[in-house]
Amino acid sequence: MEQLARFFILSLNEGSDKKLNFNFKLNMDQLSDTLTTLRFAYKEARSTAIRAYNLLKGHPYFEIKILKDFPEFFYLSPNEAEFLAYDIILQLEHGRNDLDILQRIMALPKFISTSPEIQFAIKVVTAVNENNYIQFFELLEEADYLTSCIMSVFLKSIREKALISMQ
């Protein structure tokens, strides 16, 4: 699923070439669906790990045998913060307000909500919602390639708002 999401994100930038028969809306819908599926999968994996830990923590072989023989019960994706950050930024495309996005972030475990990826997404959301085009373009320069592909979705509206504010 993570590879599929990366493909759709990459397609935001690569698919914008006019020579290609690219359907932006279809790509965005697929990306949104994929990120939603990932968000629920991450949440379920965390819940399963917590339940398994609570069930097995008193077992004498917990540290040695259980963790080694049943790693699927304790799997947490090392990419979770990355994909949740993409999802947070894309919430702007769906017209979500700051409160909706803040509630989504607050529901995350602290180790994820304080990650650099999520903190960067918060800065992007803040810049867009405050019409701070200077900060947005500075963040665009700092962003990794896939995040900049997602941010490119907002380039037209940010530029238009910047031009209006200069008049």
Foldseek 3Di string as FASTA:
>chain_A
DVVLLLVLLVCLPVVVPPVDPDDNVVSLVVNLVVLVVVVVVQVVLVVLLVVVCVVCVVPPCCVPPCCVPPVSSNDHDPCSLQSVLLNLLCVVVVVDDPVVSVVVLVPDPPVSSPDPSNVLSVQCNVCVVVLVLVSNVVSLVVDDDSSVSSSVVCVVVSVVSVVVVVD
